[in-house]
Amino acid sequence: MKALRSVERLRRLASVVGIGLAGAAVIQELRKPSQERTWHGRLWQRVPYEFRLPTMDRLREAYWAPENPHVFTDTAFGVGWSVNLGRLLRSMGGPCQRPRDTAGGVA
């Protein structure tokens, strides 16, 4: 029971932090003149936010970019980071790697 309470507290904390960051991002955008609002950027030059509707390209860049060296990428929508599953699988020797022929070239 104690472990469940700890998990629930952690979830609440994560929710509060997430809502706070989203609110800070909206405030940051609303402080700009309307013609300068892009609805994407970084909070404190660190935490990425993206409030534009996601596109297939941004979804792919966030979640499936095996060529990108980073496992954590800017999120496609919202505040924070996403897990680049393509890079994660590639680093584990997963199926997103291209097969190589015996001469060392790409098949």
Foldseek 3Di string as FASTA:
>chain_A
DVVVVVVVVVVVVVVVVQVVVQVVLVVVQVVDPPVPRDQWDADVNPKTAHADPADPVLCCVQAADLVDCDQWAHHRHGIGTGGHVNVVQVVVVHDNDFDADPVRHGD
